């Protein structure tokens, strides 16, 4: 699924005639392979956090940094670009569209737009300071407990009422539509044969 998302993003960028010089990802092996085979001129770098998070326990540090895969991947660490912003955005998307629920294409599309608007509005904000120049902090309850997302979605729907024309949405076929559904008897027989060996 992650690789498919990357492939679609790259195809979109290419269709808009945007040239990628460098792409920063996590260490997903399928993505690494696909980029190597299909986007060789593009510099592929790994996000530092995805490498560092595996080496936190001090006693295991030597074992981790000595692994061939780690040594190979350290050479590809991104010197400047990181995926931190995307990770934060994905966290916001999870507030607007929790993974435990299923949404229609239009529903998820609208929730993603709201998440992007929220992220763009708040991502570049500077830390507030007191009148004396000290960093200012305020204790607040998490927005989810205040039903922030629900209130924002409700207000958006109210503002858009009678202005939404769903015919303008180009809804793609689901990913599962690419594969034919197997015959149930054959599938059961294949499943059972795995346990008879």
C-alpha atoms as a PDB file:
ATOM      1  CA  UNK A   1       0.000   0.000   0.000  1.00  0.00           C
ATOM      2  CA  UNK A   2       2.839   2.423   0.844  1.00  0.00           C
ATOM      3  CA  UNK A   3       4.610   1.629  -2.419  1.00  0.00           C
ATOM      4  CA  UNK A   4       1.386   2.075  -4.405  1.00  0.00           C
ATOM      5  CA  UNK A   5       0.868   5.485  -2.769  1.00  0.00           C
ATOM      6  CA  UNK A   6       4.421   6.527  -3.688  1.00  0.00           C
ATOM      7  CA  UNK A   7       4.001   5.303  -7.289  1.00  0.00           C
ATOM      8  CA  UNK A   8       0.804   7.334  -7.670  1.00  0.00           C
ATOM      9  CA  UNK A   9       2.428  10.438  -6.151  1.00  0.00           C
ATOM     10  CA  UNK A  10       5.441  10.164  -8.472  1.00  0.00           C
ATOM     11  CA  UNK A  11       3.152   9.676 -11.491  1.00  0.00           C
ATOM     12  CA  UNK A  12       1.161  12.754 -10.463  1.00  0.00           C
ATOM     13  CA  UNK A  13       4.310  14.868 -10.052  1.00  0.00           C
ATOM     14  CA  UNK A  14       5.591  13.703 -13.445  1.00  0.00           C
ATOM     15  CA  UNK A  15       2.207  14.477 -15.070  1.00  0.00           C
ATOM     16  CA  UNK A  16       2.580  18.035 -13.700  1.00  0.00           C
ATOM     17  CA  UNK A  17       6.101  18.212 -15.220  1.00  0.00           C
ATOM     18  CA  UNK A  18       7.735  18.540 -11.796  1.00  0.00           C
ATOM     19  CA  UNK A  19      11.292  17.236 -11.608  1.00  0.00           C
ATOM     20  CA  UNK A  20      12.368  15.444  -8.453  1.00  0.00           C
ATOM     21  CA  UNK A  21      16.016  15.688  -7.498  1.00  0.00           C
ATOM     22  CA  UNK A  22      15.798  13.976  -4.117  1.00  0.00           C
ATOM     23  CA  UNK A  23      13.172  11.905  -2.323  1.00  0.00           C
ATOM     24  CA  UNK A  24      13.273  11.140   1.404  1.00  0.00           C
ATOM     25  CA  UNK A  25      11.432   8.076   2.718  1.00  0.00           C
ATOM     26  CA  UNK A  26      11.502   5.576   5.526  1.00  0.00           C
ATOM     27  CA  UNK A  27      13.402   2.308   4.991  1.00  0.00           C
ATOM     28  CA  UNK A  28      10.507   0.423   3.367  1.00  0.00           C
ATOM     29  CA  UNK A  29      12.177  -2.275   1.259  1.00  0.00           C
ATOM     30  CA  UNK A  30       9.588  -2.296  -1.560  1.00  0.00           C
ATOM     31  CA  UNK A  31       9.851   1.493  -1.911  1.00  0.00           C
ATOM     32  CA  UNK A  32      13.651   1.280  -1.891  1.00  0.00           C
ATOM     33  CA  UNK A  33      13.575  -1.366  -4.639  1.00  0.00           C
ATOM     34  CA  UNK A  34      11.003   0.482  -6.763  1.00  0.00           C
ATOM     35  CA  UNK A  35      12.925   3.770  -6.606  1.00  0.00           C
ATOM     36  CA  UNK A  36      16.163   2.007  -7.495  1.00  0.00           C
ATOM     37  CA  UNK A  37      14.555   0.310 -10.515  1.00  0.00           C
ATOM     38  CA  UNK A  38      12.315   3.149 -11.732  1.00  0.00           C
ATOM     39  CA  UNK A  39      13.729   6.466 -10.517  1.00  0.00           C
ATOM     40  CA  UNK A  40      17.499   5.988 -10.639  1.00  0.00           C
ATOM     41  CA  UNK A  41      18.388   9.628 -11.427  1.00  0.00           C
ATOM     42  CA  UNK A  42      16.467  10.742  -8.326  1.00  0.00           C
ATOM     43  CA  UNK A  43      18.558  10.839  -5.155  1.00  0.00           C
ATOM     44  CA  UNK A  44      16.938   8.525  -2.602  1.00  0.00           C
ATOM     45  CA  UNK A  45      17.631   9.327   1.051  1.00  0.00           C
ATOM     46  CA  UNK A  46      16.407   7.818   4.316  1.00  0.00           C
ATOM     47  CA  UNK A  47      14.839   9.892   7.054  1.00  0.00           C
ATOM     48  CA  UNK A  48      17.236  10.011  10.030  1.00  0.00           C
ATOM     49  CA  UNK A  49      14.482   9.326  12.568  1.00  0.00           C
ATOM     50  CA  UNK A  50      13.600   6.006  10.914  1.00  0.00           C
ATOM     51  CA  UNK A  51      17.203   4.878  11.293  1.00  0.00           C
ATOM     52  CA  UNK A  52      17.749   6.278  14.785  1.00  0.00           C
ATOM     53  CA  UNK A  53      14.563   4.856  16.293  1.00  0.00           C
ATOM     54  CA  UNK A  54      16.016   1.348  15.909  1.00  0.00           C
ATOM     55  CA  UNK A  55      19.110   2.141  17.943  1.00  0.00           C
ATOM     56  CA  UNK A  56      17.693   3.684  21.120  1.00  0.00           C
ATOM     57  CA  UNK A  57      18.643   0.967  23.661  1.00  0.00           C
ATOM     58  CA  UNK A  58      22.258   1.720  24.541  1.00  0.00           C
ATOM     59  CA  UNK A  59      23.196  -1.908  25.191  1.00  0.00           C
ATOM     60  CA  UNK A  60      21.995  -2.961  21.754  1.00  0.00           C
ATOM     61  CA  UNK A  61      23.569  -0.029  19.933  1.00  0.00           C
ATOM     62  CA  UNK A  62      26.687  -1.886  18.835  1.00  0.00           C
ATOM     63  CA  UNK A  63      24.670  -4.809  17.524  1.00  0.00           C
ATOM     64  CA  UNK A  64      22.381  -2.513  15.564  1.00  0.00           C
ATOM     65  CA  UNK A  65      25.035  -0.280  14.004  1.00  0.00           C
ATOM     66  CA  UNK A  66      27.105  -3.292  13.001  1.00  0.00           C
ATOM     67  CA  UNK A  67      24.386  -4.840  10.887  1.00  0.00           C
ATOM     68  CA  UNK A  68      25.091  -4.816   7.160  1.00  0.00           C
ATOM     69  CA  UNK A  69      21.695  -3.340   6.306  1.00  0.00           C
ATOM     70  CA  UNK A  70      22.167  -0.517   8.815  1.00  0.00           C
ATOM     71  CA  UNK A  71      25.688   0.304   7.598  1.00  0.00           C
ATOM     72  CA  UNK A  72      24.414   0.319   4.002  1.00  0.00           C
ATOM     73  CA  UNK A  73      21.422   2.520   4.907  1.00  0.00           C
ATOM     74  CA  UNK A  74      23.500   5.026   6.919  1.00  0.00           C
ATOM     75  CA  UNK A  75      25.291   5.880   3.669  1.00  0.00           C
ATOM     76  CA  UNK A  76      21.917   6.885   2.232  1.00  0.00           C
ATOM     77  CA  UNK A  77      20.824   9.066   5.170  1.00  0.00           C
ATOM     78  CA  UNK A  78      19.467  12.388   4.063  1.00  0.00           C
ATOM     79  CA  UNK A  79      21.827  15.221   5.015  1.00  0.00           C
ATOM     80  CA  UNK A  80      19.098  17.855   4.974  1.00  0.00           C
ATOM     81  CA  UNK A  81      15.581  16.823   3.991  1.00  0.00           C
ATOM     82  CA  UNK A  82      13.537  14.815   6.475  1.00  0.00           C
ATOM     83  CA  UNK A  83      10.044  13.318   6.556  1.00  0.00           C
ATOM     84  CA  UNK A  84       9.164  14.897   9.912  1.00  0.00           C
ATOM     85  CA  UNK A  85       6.587  17.256   8.384  1.00  0.00           C
ATOM     86  CA  UNK A  86       4.861  14.371   6.629  1.00  0.00           C
ATOM     87  CA  UNK A  87       4.823  12.356   9.859  1.00  0.00           C
ATOM     88  CA  UNK A  88       3.143  15.280  11.653  1.00  0.00           C
ATOM     89  CA  UNK A  89       0.648  15.664   8.807  1.00  0.00           C
ATOM     90  CA  UNK A  90      -0.209  11.938   8.968  1.00  0.00           C
ATOM     91  CA  UNK A  91      -0.831  12.313  12.690  1.00  0.00           C
ATOM     92  CA  UNK A  92      -3.285  15.124  11.913  1.00  0.00           C
ATOM     93  CA  UNK A  93      -4.949  13.025   9.201  1.00  0.00           C
ATOM     94  CA  UNK A  94      -5.501  10.326  11.847  1.00  0.00           C
ATOM     95  CA  UNK A  95      -7.420  12.884  13.917  1.00  0.00           C
ATOM     96  CA  UNK A  96      -9.660  13.826  11.004  1.00  0.00           C
ATOM     97  CA  UNK A  97     -10.019  10.306   9.585  1.00  0.00           C
ATOM     98  CA  UNK A  98      -9.304   7.613  12.197  1.00  0.00           C
ATOM     99  CA  UNK A  99      -8.204   4.332  10.607  1.00  0.00           C
ATOM    100  CA  UNK A 100     -10.800   2.368  12.564  1.00  0.00           C
ATOM    101  CA  UNK A 101     -13.580   3.781  10.337  1.00  0.00           C
ATOM    102  CA  UNK A 102     -14.301   3.319   6.651  1.00  0.00           C
ATOM    103  CA  UNK A 103     -15.159   6.361   4.560  1.00  0.00           C
ATOM    104  CA  UNK A 104     -16.472   6.862   1.052  1.00  0.00           C
ATOM    105  CA  UNK A 105     -14.054   8.310  -1.481  1.00  0.00           C
ATOM    106  CA  UNK A 106     -15.717  11.714  -1.163  1.00  0.00           C
ATOM    107  CA  UNK A 107     -15.727  11.467   2.637  1.00  0.00           C
ATOM    108  CA  UNK A 108     -12.019  10.684   2.904  1.00  0.00           C
ATOM    109  CA  UNK A 109     -11.195  13.264   0.231  1.00  0.00           C
ATOM    110  CA  UNK A 110     -12.959  16.015   2.208  1.00  0.00           C
ATOM    111  CA  UNK A 111     -11.346  14.917   5.484  1.00  0.00           C
ATOM    112  CA  UNK A 112      -7.901  14.950   3.869  1.00  0.00           C
ATOM    113  CA  UNK A 113      -8.499  18.467   2.571  1.00  0.00           C
ATOM    114  CA  UNK A 114      -9.551  19.627   6.047  1.00  0.00           C
ATOM    115  CA  UNK A 115      -6.466  17.989   7.571  1.00  0.00           C
ATOM    116  CA  UNK A 116      -4.242  19.699   4.986  1.00  0.00           C
ATOM    117  CA  UNK A 117      -5.882  23.079   5.659  1.00  0.00           C
ATOM    118  CA  UNK A 118      -5.407  22.618   9.411  1.00  0.00           C
ATOM    119  CA  UNK A 119      -1.768  21.558   8.950  1.00  0.00           C
ATOM    120  CA  UNK A 120      -0.964  24.429   6.575  1.00  0.00           C
ATOM    121  CA  UNK A 121      -2.593  26.960   8.889  1.00  0.00           C
ATOM    122  CA  UNK A 122      -0.661  25.813  11.957  1.00  0.00           C
ATOM    123  CA  UNK A 123       2.641  24.300  10.766  1.00  0.00           C
ATOM    124  CA  UNK A 124       4.619  27.526  10.408  1.00  0.00           C
ATOM    125  CA  UNK A 125       3.513  29.192  13.631  1.00  0.00           C
ATOM    126  CA  UNK A 126       6.267  30.585  15.820  1.00  0.00           C
ATOM    127  CA  UNK A 127       6.423  29.805  19.508  1.00  0.00           C
ATOM    128  CA  UNK A 128       4.583  32.499  21.475  1.00  0.00           C
ATOM    129  CA  UNK A 129       6.626  34.583  23.929  1.00  0.00           C
ATOM    130  CA  UNK A 130       5.752  36.502  27.042  1.00  0.00           C
ATOM    131  CA  UNK A 131       6.256  40.274  27.272  1.00  0.00           C
ATOM    132  CA  UNK A 132       9.695  39.570  28.761  1.00  0.00           C
ATOM    133  CA  UNK A 133      10.739  37.420  25.800  1.00  0.00           C
ATOM    134  CA  UNK A 134      10.407  34.034  27.522  1.00  0.00           C
ATOM    135  CA  UNK A 135       8.757  31.147  25.674  1.00  0.00           C
ATOM    136  CA  UNK A 136       5.105  30.982  26.657  1.00  0.00           C
ATOM    137  CA  UNK A 137       3.312  27.737  27.491  1.00  0.00           C
ATOM    138  CA  UNK A 138      -0.352  27.037  28.098  1.00  0.00           C
ATOM    139  CA  UNK A 139      -1.808  23.834  29.501  1.00  0.00           C
ATOM    140  CA  UNK A 140      -4.701  22.678  27.319  1.00  0.00           C
ATOM    141  CA  UNK A 141      -6.699  19.526  26.924  1.00  0.00           C
ATOM    142  CA  UNK A 142      -6.092  17.589  23.710  1.00  0.00           C
ATOM    143  CA  UNK A 143      -8.226  18.868  20.862  1.00  0.00           C
ATOM    144  CA  UNK A 144      -9.807  15.433  20.440  1.00  0.00           C
ATOM    145  CA  UNK A 145     -11.273  15.672  23.950  1.00  0.00           C
ATOM    146  CA  UNK A 146     -12.839  19.001  23.041  1.00  0.00           C
ATOM    147  CA  UNK A 147     -14.359  17.335  19.972  1.00  0.00           C
ATOM    148  CA  UNK A 148     -12.419  19.820  17.854  1.00  0.00           C
ATOM    149  CA  UNK A 149     -12.465  17.658  14.745  1.00  0.00           C
ATOM    150  CA  UNK A 150     -16.198  16.976  15.028  1.00  0.00           C
ATOM    151  CA  UNK A 151     -16.924  20.673  15.463  1.00  0.00           C
ATOM    152  CA  UNK A 152     -14.741  21.574  12.475  1.00  0.00           C
ATOM    153  CA  UNK A 153     -16.354  18.943  10.251  1.00  0.00           C
ATOM    154  CA  UNK A 154     -19.851  20.012  11.320  1.00  0.00           C
ATOM    155  CA  UNK A 155     -19.093  23.671  10.597  1.00  0.00           C
ATOM    156  CA  UNK A 156     -17.594  22.776   7.218  1.00  0.00           C
ATOM    157  CA  UNK A 157     -20.686  20.781   6.258  1.00  0.00           C
ATOM    158  CA  UNK A 158     -22.907  23.656   7.369  1.00  0.00           C
ATOM    159  CA  UNK A 159     -20.970  26.139   5.230  1.00  0.00           C
ATOM    160  CA  UNK A 160     -20.974  23.828   2.219  1.00  0.00           C
ATOM    161  CA  UNK A 161     -24.626  22.837   2.482  1.00  0.00           C
ATOM    162  CA  UNK A 162     -26.284  22.911  -0.958  1.00  0.00           C
ATOM    163  CA  UNK A 163     -22.943  23.860  -2.567  1.00  0.00           C
ATOM    164  CA  UNK A 164     -21.491  20.383  -3.057  1.00  0.00           C
ATOM    165  CA  UNK A 165     -21.800  18.863  -6.492  1.00  0.00           C
ATOM    166  CA  UNK A 166     -20.509  15.310  -6.209  1.00  0.00           C
ATOM    167  CA  UNK A 167     -20.529  14.893  -9.980  1.00  0.00           C
ATOM    168  CA  UNK A 168     -17.301  16.905 -10.064  1.00  0.00           C
ATOM    169  CA  UNK A 169     -15.476  14.214  -8.081  1.00  0.00           C
ATOM    170  CA  UNK A 170     -13.561  11.821 -10.290  1.00  0.00           C
ATOM    171  CA  UNK A 171     -13.886   8.750  -8.083  1.00  0.00           C
ATOM    172  CA  UNK A 172     -11.315   6.076  -9.009  1.00  0.00           C
ATOM    173  CA  UNK A 173     -12.032   2.363  -8.896  1.00  0.00           C
ATOM    174  CA  UNK A 174     -11.043   0.650  -5.634  1.00  0.00           C
ATOM    175  CA  UNK A 175      -7.611  -1.037  -5.639  1.00  0.00           C
ATOM    176  CA  UNK A 176      -9.318  -4.408  -5.148  1.00  0.00           C
ATOM    177  CA  UNK A 177     -11.117  -4.040  -8.498  1.00  0.00           C
ATOM    178  CA  UNK A 178      -7.887  -5.015 -10.277  1.00  0.00           C
ATOM    179  CA  UNK A 179      -8.046  -8.617  -9.121  1.00  0.00           C
ATOM    180  CA  UNK A 180     -10.603 -11.238  -9.943  1.00  0.00           C
ATOM    181  CA  UNK A 181     -12.384 -12.820  -7.017  1.00  0.00           C
ATOM    182  CA  UNK A 182     -11.315 -16.491  -6.729  1.00  0.00           C
ATOM    183  CA  UNK A 183     -13.798 -19.332  -6.769  1.00  0.00           C
ATOM    184  CA  UNK A 184     -14.811 -19.966  -3.149  1.00  0.00           C
ATOM    185  CA  UNK A 185     -14.376 -23.761  -3.340  1.00  0.00           C
ATOM    186  CA  UNK A 186     -10.890 -23.417  -4.821  1.00  0.00           C
ATOM    187  CA  UNK A 187      -9.909 -20.854  -2.203  1.00  0.00           C
ATOM    188  CA  UNK A 188     -11.117 -23.070   0.668  1.00  0.00           C
ATOM    189  CA  UNK A 189      -9.338 -26.117  -0.791  1.00  0.00           C
ATOM    190  CA  UNK A 190      -6.105 -24.141  -1.151  1.00  0.00           C
ATOM    191  CA  UNK A 191      -6.445 -22.814   2.406  1.00  0.00           C
ATOM    192  CA  UNK A 192      -7.055 -26.301   3.849  1.00  0.00           C
ATOM    193  CA  UNK A 193      -4.187 -27.845   1.873  1.00  0.00           C
ATOM    194  CA  UNK A 194      -1.738 -25.573   3.706  1.00  0.00           C
ATOM    195  CA  UNK A 195      -2.566 -27.326   6.988  1.00  0.00           C
ATOM    196  CA  UNK A 196      -2.407 -30.897   5.659  1.00  0.00           C
ATOM    197  CA  UNK A 197       1.379 -30.935   5.153  1.00  0.00           C
END
